[in-house]
């Protein structure tokens, strides 16, 4: 019977077949101890010279790391390790002998591993990260489905940008001029919310930002819900419910992977609602009390501005300073309207402030969610588009959403890779996606 290694505990004392690859092998006289992997886990085999044919014994001696194979044997409990199982091997079929494997136990540089990303993904650490990523994505889908959301697929080719075209990849689109790779599905999701009430998009997005920080890649995945009749407080309540659900489910279902990655689970276990809510004004006061300056690059180097000026966006040092006194994600809301996108609704009580929210992850991981109540007033939205010098004709369809049955509505965007990085405690975002795209890398 062909079984997968992650289900091997159900087959103790039974003969099974495993189809996979050789992860490692060592020998001790008349015993060999090959380790097999099949994508779901790793199991040690025991090959006794007097228990197999001479051909099988010799064939095991031919195997190289990552050789593909099919083995048969009886599952047994490890004699010394609780919850660990072995395979008493009785037969071997070699599918393919691998060439000398380029990734060895020695220390390799990041560029080498990135060049070999298609093979690096086979390492235990990278497989653990990918399994956590999969659990995150599945938990997102389940949460949305269970809470009445409809998956709404937004196009990747778009004729216009959400927030200007300066950081978009463009391409010629037949006789229709320029098209852009989408930086967000939000505008289209708003049309879905007007039709279906609660929707979400989940797919790849692109940003042509020449940034080489540990938080940035040029192709990333976004999950973006939009909800009719939600105000900014409803939006923040949903974010709390959503993040609490996802993090706790990942802990429950992928504890083994997180522990393998060395993640401090006690920190993740604290991620339950309610989350701290801090206004932008309060966040600026935190920065001023901690004497965190705004740093601007000038022709002569760097200029430090103290105290932190109201109206500026936060960089990584500011986000870290804001969250360092909290053990949960921090929701910074009601931002200066001039610092935010044209579609964010201004606070009726204070037009200088937009009803937006950024969710900052603890432990220095920064922004993982950005959301807002959307501007539902046609006249105000027209003003915003003009103020941002956006091409009015490209937004006529978006304005129709306000002309025909406009309602208050809200939404947010979650960066999948940033969420993976935080939950797994990754040093760099490039490990959070199978094949990272950065300004200096488009291969493999």
Protein backbone atom coordinates (compact mmCIF):
# COMPACT_ATOMS: atom_id res chain seq x y z
CA UNK A 1 0.00 0.00 0.00
CA UNK A 2 1.39 3.40 -1.02
CA UNK A 3 1.27 5.83 1.94
CA UNK A 4 2.61 9.28 2.68
CA UNK A 5 5.10 9.78 5.48
CA UNK A 6 2.93 12.24 7.38
CA UNK A 7 0.36 9.43 7.83
CA UNK A 8 2.88 6.74 8.72
CA UNK A 9 1.75 6.52 12.38
CA UNK A 10 -1.46 4.86 11.18
CA UNK A 11 0.45 1.91 9.68
CA UNK A 12 2.59 0.52 12.51
CA UNK A 13 3.44 -3.17 11.93
CA UNK A 14 2.05 -2.98 8.39
CA UNK A 15 3.90 -3.26 5.11
CA UNK A 16 3.83 -0.03 3.09
CA UNK A 17 5.30 1.56 -0.02
CA UNK A 18 6.89 5.02 0.04
CA UNK A 19 7.60 6.95 -3.14
CA UNK A 20 10.09 9.77 -2.79
CA UNK A 21 13.75 10.71 -2.65
CA UNK A 22 16.86 9.88 -0.64
CA UNK A 23 17.47 12.67 1.86
CA UNK A 24 20.55 11.17 3.52
CA UNK A 25 22.22 7.83 4.18
CA UNK A 26 24.72 6.45 6.67
CA UNK A 27 26.00 2.94 7.27
CA UNK A 28 27.26 0.90 10.20
CA UNK A 29 28.74 -2.42 9.17
CA UNK A 30 25.92 -4.67 8.08
CA UNK A 31 23.26 -1.99 8.59
CA UNK A 32 22.39 1.03 6.47
CA UNK A 33 20.19 3.88 7.64
CA UNK A 34 18.76 5.77 4.65
CA UNK A 35 16.43 8.70 5.24
CA UNK A 36 13.57 9.07 2.81
CA UNK A 37 11.47 12.15 2.10
CA UNK A 38 8.30 12.35 0.05
CA UNK A 39 7.27 15.98 0.42
CA UNK A 40 5.13 15.37 3.51
CA UNK A 41 7.92 14.36 5.86
CA UNK A 42 11.11 12.39 6.44
CA UNK A 43 11.45 8.86 7.80
CA UNK A 44 14.51 6.80 8.58
CA UNK A 45 14.82 3.41 6.99
CA UNK A 46 16.70 0.42 8.36
CA UNK A 47 18.35 -1.90 5.83
CA UNK A 48 19.86 -5.09 7.23
CA UNK A 49 22.31 -6.88 4.94
CA UNK A 50 20.97 -10.28 5.97
CA UNK A 51 17.37 -9.10 5.50
CA UNK A 52 17.49 -8.08 1.83
CA UNK A 53 18.89 -9.53 -1.36
CA UNK A 54 22.45 -8.85 -2.40
CA UNK A 55 21.17 -6.69 -5.29
CA UNK A 56 19.09 -4.48 -3.01
CA UNK A 57 22.05 -4.05 -0.65
CA UNK A 58 24.27 -3.05 -3.56
CA UNK A 59 21.63 -0.74 -5.01
CA UNK A 60 21.43 1.17 -1.74
CA UNK A 61 25.18 1.66 -2.00
CA UNK A 62 24.70 3.35 -5.38
CA UNK A 63 22.24 5.94 -4.15
CA UNK A 64 23.19 9.60 -4.04
CA UNK A 65 21.43 12.44 -2.25
CA UNK A 66 18.09 13.28 -3.94
CA UNK A 67 18.03 10.06 -5.96
CA UNK A 68 14.38 9.19 -6.59
CA UNK A 69 13.17 5.81 -5.42
CA UNK A 70 10.32 3.57 -4.35
CA UNK A 71 10.83 1.54 -1.18
CA UNK A 72 8.81 -1.14 0.53
CA UNK A 73 9.02 -2.06 4.18
CA UNK A 74 7.29 -2.55 7.51
CA UNK A 75 6.59 0.42 9.76
CA UNK A 76 7.92 0.18 13.33
CA UNK A 77 8.18 2.50 16.29
CA UNK A 78 11.60 3.96 16.96
CA UNK A 79 13.16 2.01 19.87
CA UNK A 80 14.24 5.18 21.74
CA UNK A 81 12.25 8.16 20.46
CA UNK A 82 8.60 8.62 21.35
CA UNK A 83 6.37 9.45 18.38
CA UNK A 84 9.10 8.64 15.84
CA UNK A 85 8.79 5.80 13.32
CA UNK A 86 11.14 3.80 11.15
CA UNK A 87 10.79 1.70 8.01
CA UNK A 88 12.25 -1.81 8.08
CA UNK A 89 13.15 -1.93 4.39
CA UNK A 90 12.52 -5.07 2.36
CA UNK A 91 12.64 -3.85 -1.24
CA UNK A 92 13.96 -0.97 -3.34
CA UNK A 93 13.24 0.31 -6.83
CA UNK A 94 15.56 3.02 -8.11
CA UNK A 95 13.71 5.54 -10.26
CA UNK A 96 16.68 7.81 -11.04
CA UNK A 97 20.20 8.25 -9.66
CA UNK A 98 20.80 11.95 -8.96
CA UNK A 99 23.92 13.76 -10.07
CA UNK A 100 26.12 15.16 -7.24
CA UNK A 101 23.82 17.49 -5.35
CA UNK A 102 25.02 21.13 -5.42
CA UNK A 103 23.57 22.11 -2.02
CA UNK A 104 25.69 20.54 0.71
CA UNK A 105 25.77 20.85 4.51
CA UNK A 106 28.48 23.53 4.24
CA UNK A 107 27.52 27.20 4.46
CA UNK A 108 26.33 28.61 1.13
CA UNK A 109 25.90 32.27 0.31
CA UNK A 110 22.43 33.73 -0.20
CA UNK A 111 23.08 34.43 -3.90
CA UNK A 112 24.08 30.81 -4.49
CA UNK A 113 20.98 29.51 -2.73
CA UNK A 114 18.78 31.98 -4.63
CA UNK A 115 20.30 30.79 -7.91
CA UNK A 116 19.43 27.24 -6.84
CA UNK A 117 16.03 28.17 -5.41
CA UNK A 118 14.38 25.33 -7.35
CA UNK A 119 16.53 22.93 -5.31
CA UNK A 120 16.76 24.98 -2.11
CA UNK A 121 13.01 24.47 -1.73
CA UNK A 122 13.75 20.81 -0.90
CA UNK A 123 15.55 21.70 2.33
CA UNK A 124 13.68 21.04 5.60
CA UNK A 125 13.55 24.72 6.52
CA UNK A 126 12.12 25.85 3.20
CA UNK A 127 9.59 22.99 3.17
CA UNK A 128 8.45 23.98 6.66
CA UNK A 129 7.95 27.59 5.54
CA UNK A 130 5.96 26.50 2.49
CA UNK A 131 3.71 24.32 4.64
CA UNK A 132 3.05 27.24 6.97
CA UNK A 133 2.32 29.45 3.96
CA UNK A 134 -0.14 26.87 2.67
CA UNK A 135 -1.88 26.72 6.05
CA UNK A 136 -2.12 30.53 6.13
CA UNK A 137 -3.71 30.63 2.68
CA UNK A 138 -6.14 27.84 3.49
CA UNK A 139 -7.11 29.48 6.78
CA UNK A 140 -7.79 32.74 4.93
CA UNK A 141 -10.08 30.98 2.48
CA UNK A 142 -11.87 29.13 5.28
CA UNK A 143 -12.34 32.26 7.41
CA UNK A 144 -13.76 34.20 4.48
CA UNK A 145 -16.05 31.37 3.40
CA UNK A 146 -17.33 30.77 6.92
CA UNK A 147 -18.03 34.50 7.36
CA UNK A 148 -20.11 34.88 4.22
CA UNK A 149 -17.53 36.32 1.82
CA UNK A 150 -17.50 35.52 -1.89
CA UNK A 151 -14.15 35.02 -3.65
CA UNK A 152 -13.99 37.71 -6.33
CA UNK A 153 -11.18 37.44 -8.88
CA UNK A 154 -9.75 40.79 -9.94
CA UNK A 155 -7.86 41.24 -13.23
CA UNK A 156 -4.08 41.43 -13.29
CA UNK A 157 -3.95 43.61 -16.42
CA UNK A 158 -5.45 47.01 -15.59
CA UNK A 159 -5.77 50.29 -17.53
CA UNK A 160 -5.14 52.41 -14.44
CA UNK A 161 -3.44 52.37 -11.07
CA UNK A 162 -4.89 52.54 -7.58
CA UNK A 163 -2.43 55.17 -6.43
CA UNK A 164 -0.63 56.54 -9.51
CA UNK A 165 1.63 54.79 -12.02
CA UNK A 166 5.09 55.56 -10.64
CA UNK A 167 5.60 52.09 -9.16
CA UNK A 168 3.79 49.98 -11.76
CA UNK A 169 5.08 47.60 -14.40
CA UNK A 170 3.68 48.55 -17.80
CA UNK A 171 3.32 46.70 -21.06
CA UNK A 172 1.94 47.42 -24.53
CA UNK A 173 -1.58 46.08 -24.83
CA UNK A 174 -2.40 45.53 -28.52
CA UNK A 175 -3.97 48.68 -30.02
CA UNK A 176 -5.28 49.97 -26.68
CA UNK A 177 -2.07 51.55 -25.44
CA UNK A 178 -0.45 50.84 -22.09
CA UNK A 179 -1.67 48.27 -19.59
CA UNK A 180 -0.31 47.83 -16.08
CA UNK A 181 0.30 44.84 -13.87
CA UNK A 182 -2.03 45.34 -10.94
CA UNK A 183 -0.69 46.62 -7.64
CA UNK A 184 -4.04 45.86 -5.98
CA UNK A 185 -7.41 44.28 -6.67
CA UNK A 186 -9.14 46.74 -4.39
CA UNK A 187 -10.96 48.97 -6.88
CA UNK A 188 -12.46 45.94 -8.62
CA UNK A 189 -13.32 44.37 -5.26
CA UNK A 190 -15.34 47.48 -4.45
CA UNK A 191 -17.53 46.74 -7.46
CA UNK A 192 -17.92 43.20 -6.12
CA UNK A 193 -19.01 44.50 -2.72
CA UNK A 194 -21.69 46.62 -4.37
CA UNK A 195 -22.99 43.49 -6.10
CA UNK A 196 -22.43 40.76 -3.51
CA UNK A 197 -22.13 42.56 -0.18
CA UNK A 198 -18.91 40.98 1.11
CA UNK A 199 -16.13 39.83 -1.22
CA UNK A 200 -12.40 39.21 -1.17
CA UNK A 201 -9.67 38.93 -3.77
CA UNK A 202 -6.62 36.69 -3.41
CA UNK A 203 -3.89 36.68 -6.00
CA UNK A 204 -0.57 38.06 -7.24
CA UNK A 205 0.10 41.79 -7.33
CA UNK A 206 3.10 43.76 -8.55
CA UNK A 207 5.01 46.86 -7.54
CA UNK A 208 7.92 48.28 -9.52
CA UNK A 209 9.58 49.77 -6.47
CA UNK A 210 13.37 49.66 -6.61
CA UNK A 211 13.70 48.69 -2.99
CA UNK A 212 16.11 46.10 -1.63
CA UNK A 213 14.97 45.97 1.98
CA UNK A 214 14.22 42.70 3.76
CA UNK A 215 10.48 43.53 3.56
CA UNK A 216 10.14 44.19 -0.18
CA UNK A 217 9.66 42.04 -3.27
CA UNK A 218 8.29 43.12 -6.64
CA UNK A 219 5.75 40.30 -7.07
CA UNK A 220 3.68 39.37 -4.03
CA UNK A 221 0.30 37.98 -3.08
CA UNK A 222 -2.48 40.07 -1.58
CA UNK A 223 -5.75 39.24 0.12
CA UNK A 224 -8.19 42.13 -0.08
CA UNK A 225 -11.72 42.03 1.34
CA UNK A 226 -14.32 44.73 0.65
CA UNK A 227 -17.54 45.06 2.63
CA UNK A 228 -20.65 47.12 1.89
CA UNK A 229 -22.10 49.07 4.83
CA UNK A 230 -18.89 48.70 6.89
CA UNK A 231 -17.39 51.79 8.50
CA UNK A 232 -13.81 52.09 9.75
CA UNK A 233 -14.66 50.57 13.14
CA UNK A 234 -16.37 47.59 11.49
CA UNK A 235 -13.24 47.24 9.35
CA UNK A 236 -10.95 47.15 12.39
CA UNK A 237 -13.22 44.67 14.17
CA UNK A 238 -13.01 42.35 11.17
CA UNK A 239 -9.22 42.66 11.05
CA UNK A 240 -9.01 41.61 14.70
CA UNK A 241 -11.24 38.59 14.18
CA UNK A 242 -9.42 37.62 11.00
CA UNK A 243 -5.84 37.87 12.27
CA UNK A 244 -6.66 36.14 15.55
CA UNK A 245 -8.25 33.25 13.65
CA UNK A 246 -5.40 32.80 11.18
CA UNK A 247 -2.57 32.97 13.70
CA UNK A 248 -4.19 30.62 16.21
CA UNK A 249 -5.10 28.12 13.51
CA UNK A 250 -1.54 28.06 12.18
CA UNK A 251 -0.25 27.42 15.71
CA UNK A 252 -2.71 24.56 16.08
CA UNK A 253 -2.13 22.88 12.72
CA UNK A 254 1.54 23.68 12.03
CA UNK A 255 3.09 23.67 15.48
CA UNK A 256 5.72 21.14 14.44
CA UNK A 257 6.87 23.30 11.53
CA UNK A 258 6.95 26.46 13.64
CA UNK A 259 8.96 24.72 16.35
CA UNK A 260 11.37 23.40 13.71
CA UNK A 261 11.84 26.99 12.52
CA UNK A 262 12.65 28.01 16.08
CA UNK A 263 9.58 30.22 16.43
CA UNK A 264 8.73 31.41 19.94
CA UNK A 265 5.11 30.26 20.05
CA UNK A 266 4.39 32.05 23.31
CA UNK A 267 4.54 35.33 21.37
CA UNK A 268 2.14 34.13 18.70
CA UNK A 269 -0.24 32.71 21.29
CA UNK A 270 -0.82 36.28 22.54
CA UNK A 271 -2.23 37.31 19.17
CA UNK A 272 -5.88 37.32 20.15
CA UNK A 273 -8.33 40.18 20.08
CA UNK A 274 -8.65 42.89 21.16
CA UNK A 275 -5.62 44.59 19.60
CA UNK A 276 -4.26 47.95 20.78
CA UNK A 277 -5.77 50.83 18.78
CA UNK A 278 -3.62 53.94 18.51
CA UNK A 279 -4.50 57.07 16.54
CA UNK A 280 -1.88 58.57 14.28
CA UNK A 281 -1.69 61.53 16.67
CA UNK A 282 -0.96 59.18 19.57
CA UNK A 283 1.65 57.33 17.50
CA UNK A 284 3.45 60.61 16.74
CA UNK A 285 3.49 61.39 20.46
CA UNK A 286 5.08 58.00 21.11
CA UNK A 287 7.83 58.81 18.59
CA UNK A 288 8.40 62.24 20.10
CA UNK A 289 8.63 60.88 23.64
CA UNK A 290 11.16 58.30 22.45
CA UNK A 291 12.99 60.98 20.44
CA UNK A 292 12.79 58.97 17.18
CA UNK A 293 13.62 61.40 14.35
CA UNK A 294 12.44 61.55 10.77
CA UNK A 295 15.47 60.93 8.56
CA UNK A 296 15.54 62.54 5.13
CA UNK A 297 18.24 61.95 2.57
CA UNK A 298 19.78 65.12 1.22
CA UNK A 299 22.53 65.87 -1.27
CA UNK A 300 24.95 66.12 1.65
CA UNK A 301 23.87 62.89 3.32
CA UNK A 302 21.12 62.47 5.89
CA UNK A 303 19.12 65.04 7.79
CA UNK A 304 17.50 64.20 11.11
CA UNK A 305 14.31 66.09 11.91
CA UNK A 306 13.25 66.32 15.55
CA UNK A 307 10.59 66.18 16.85
CA UNK A 308 8.90 63.84 14.40
CA UNK A 309 6.71 66.09 12.22
CA UNK A 310 2.97 65.54 12.03
CA UNK A 311 1.81 64.45 8.58
CA UNK A 312 4.75 62.22 7.65
CA UNK A 313 4.50 58.51 6.97
CA UNK A 314 6.33 56.03 9.17
CA UNK A 315 9.40 54.07 8.20
CA UNK A 316 10.68 50.83 9.70
CA UNK A 317 12.36 52.47 12.75
CA UNK A 318 9.16 54.37 13.56
CA UNK A 319 6.94 51.29 13.26
CA UNK A 320 9.28 49.34 15.54
CA UNK A 321 9.26 52.11 18.13
CA UNK A 322 5.46 52.28 18.11
CA UNK A 323 4.91 48.55 18.65
CA UNK A 324 7.81 47.73 20.99
CA UNK A 325 5.71 48.31 24.11
CA UNK A 326 2.96 45.93 22.90
CA UNK A 327 2.86 42.15 22.49
CA UNK A 328 0.10 42.16 19.87
CA UNK A 329 -0.38 43.77 16.46
CA UNK A 330 -1.04 47.49 16.84
CA UNK A 331 -3.75 49.23 14.79
CA UNK A 332 -2.73 52.79 13.91
CA UNK A 333 -5.79 54.61 12.59
CA UNK A 334 -6.98 58.02 11.42
CA UNK A 335 -4.02 59.10 9.33
CA UNK A 336 -3.24 62.48 7.76
CA UNK A 337 -5.32 62.51 4.60
CA UNK A 338 -2.50 64.01 2.53
CA UNK A 339 -0.32 60.98 3.27
CA UNK A 340 -2.92 58.46 2.13
CA UNK A 341 -4.54 57.32 -1.11
CA UNK A 342 -7.25 59.25 -2.93
CA UNK A 343 -9.96 56.67 -2.23
CA UNK A 344 -9.78 56.91 1.56
CA UNK A 345 -12.69 58.70 3.18
CA UNK A 346 -11.87 61.79 5.19
CA UNK A 347 -13.13 62.04 8.73
CA UNK A 348 -16.28 64.21 8.64
CA UNK A 349 -15.24 65.65 12.02
CA UNK A 350 -11.69 66.45 10.87
CA UNK A 351 -11.04 66.61 7.08
CA UNK A 352 -7.28 66.63 7.68
CA UNK A 353 -7.58 63.01 8.79
CA UNK A 354 -8.44 59.99 6.64
CA UNK A 355 -10.35 57.02 8.04
CA UNK A 356 -7.48 54.64 7.37
CA UNK A 357 -5.78 51.98 9.45
CA UNK A 358 -2.37 50.30 9.27
CA UNK A 359 -1.76 47.13 11.29
CA UNK A 360 1.81 46.88 12.56
CA UNK A 361 3.08 43.46 13.57
CA UNK A 362 5.18 43.13 16.73
CA UNK A 363 8.82 41.98 16.84
CA UNK A 364 9.91 44.48 14.20
CA UNK A 365 7.94 43.10 11.25
CA UNK A 366 6.13 46.35 10.50
CA UNK A 367 3.02 46.87 8.44
CA UNK A 368 1.18 43.73 7.36
CA UNK A 369 -2.28 45.22 6.69
CA UNK A 370 -3.45 48.54 5.32
CA UNK A 371 -7.14 49.42 5.15
CA UNK A 372 -9.68 52.19 5.24
CA UNK A 373 -13.23 53.28 4.91
CA UNK A 374 -13.62 54.19 1.23
CA UNK A 375 -14.89 57.55 0.01
CA UNK A 376 -18.54 57.00 -0.92
CA UNK A 377 -19.41 60.61 -1.84
CA UNK A 378 -19.18 61.18 -5.59
CA UNK A 379 -18.30 64.87 -5.39
CA UNK A 380 -15.57 64.33 -2.79
CA UNK A 381 -14.10 61.45 -4.80
CA UNK A 382 -14.01 63.63 -7.93
CA UNK A 383 -12.06 66.22 -5.94
CA UNK A 384 -9.58 63.62 -4.72
CA UNK A 385 -8.94 62.29 -8.24
CA UNK A 386 -8.26 65.82 -9.48
CA UNK A 387 -5.99 66.58 -6.52
CA UNK A 388 -3.91 63.49 -7.29
CA UNK A 389 -3.73 64.35 -11.01
CA UNK A 390 -5.17 60.98 -12.00
CA UNK A 391 -6.70 60.42 -15.47
CA UNK A 392 -10.41 60.97 -14.92
CA UNK A 393 -11.49 58.92 -17.93
CA UNK A 394 -9.82 55.80 -16.54
CA UNK A 395 -11.84 56.07 -13.34
CA UNK A 396 -15.28 56.63 -14.84
CA UNK A 397 -16.27 53.02 -14.14
CA UNK A 398 -15.09 53.42 -10.53
CA UNK A 399 -17.11 56.62 -10.18
CA UNK A 400 -20.18 54.73 -11.39
CA UNK A 401 -20.07 52.82 -8.12
CA UNK A 402 -20.90 56.13 -6.43
CA UNK A 403 -23.44 57.22 -9.05
CA UNK A 404 -25.57 54.08 -8.80
CA UNK A 405 -26.43 53.22 -5.20
CA UNK A 406 -23.41 54.41 -3.24
CA UNK A 407 -23.15 53.16 0.34
CA UNK A 408 -20.54 53.40 3.11
CA UNK A 409 -18.01 50.62 2.59
CA UNK A 410 -14.58 49.56 3.82
CA UNK A 411 -11.82 47.09 3.16
CA UNK A 412 -8.18 46.25 3.69
CA UNK A 413 -5.21 44.63 2.02
CA UNK A 414 -3.03 41.93 3.56
CA UNK A 415 0.41 41.08 2.19
CA UNK A 416 0.70 37.29 2.31
CA UNK A 417 4.49 37.21 2.33
CA UNK A 418 4.71 39.75 5.15
CA UNK A 419 2.28 37.64 7.17
CA UNK A 420 4.32 34.49 6.48
CA UNK A 421 7.52 36.32 7.46
CA UNK A 422 6.06 37.44 10.76
CA UNK A 423 4.44 34.12 11.72
CA UNK A 424 7.60 32.17 10.80
CA UNK A 425 9.94 34.88 12.19
CA UNK A 426 11.92 35.05 8.94
CA UNK A 427 14.89 37.34 8.60
CA UNK A 428 14.08 38.11 4.96
CA UNK A 429 10.87 38.08 2.93
CA UNK A 430 12.52 36.18 0.05
CA UNK A 431 11.97 32.92 1.97
CA UNK A 432 8.22 33.56 2.30
CA UNK A 433 7.39 32.86 -1.36
CA UNK A 434 8.52 29.97 -3.57
CA UNK A 435 10.32 32.18 -6.11
CA UNK A 436 11.04 35.71 -4.95
CA UNK A 437 11.17 38.51 -7.51
CA UNK A 438 13.34 41.47 -6.55
CA UNK A 439 14.87 44.36 -8.50
CA UNK A 440 18.07 42.33 -8.95
CA UNK A 441 16.49 38.90 -9.49
CA UNK A 442 14.07 37.37 -11.99
CA UNK A 443 15.60 33.87 -12.22
CA UNK A 444 15.00 31.01 -11.77
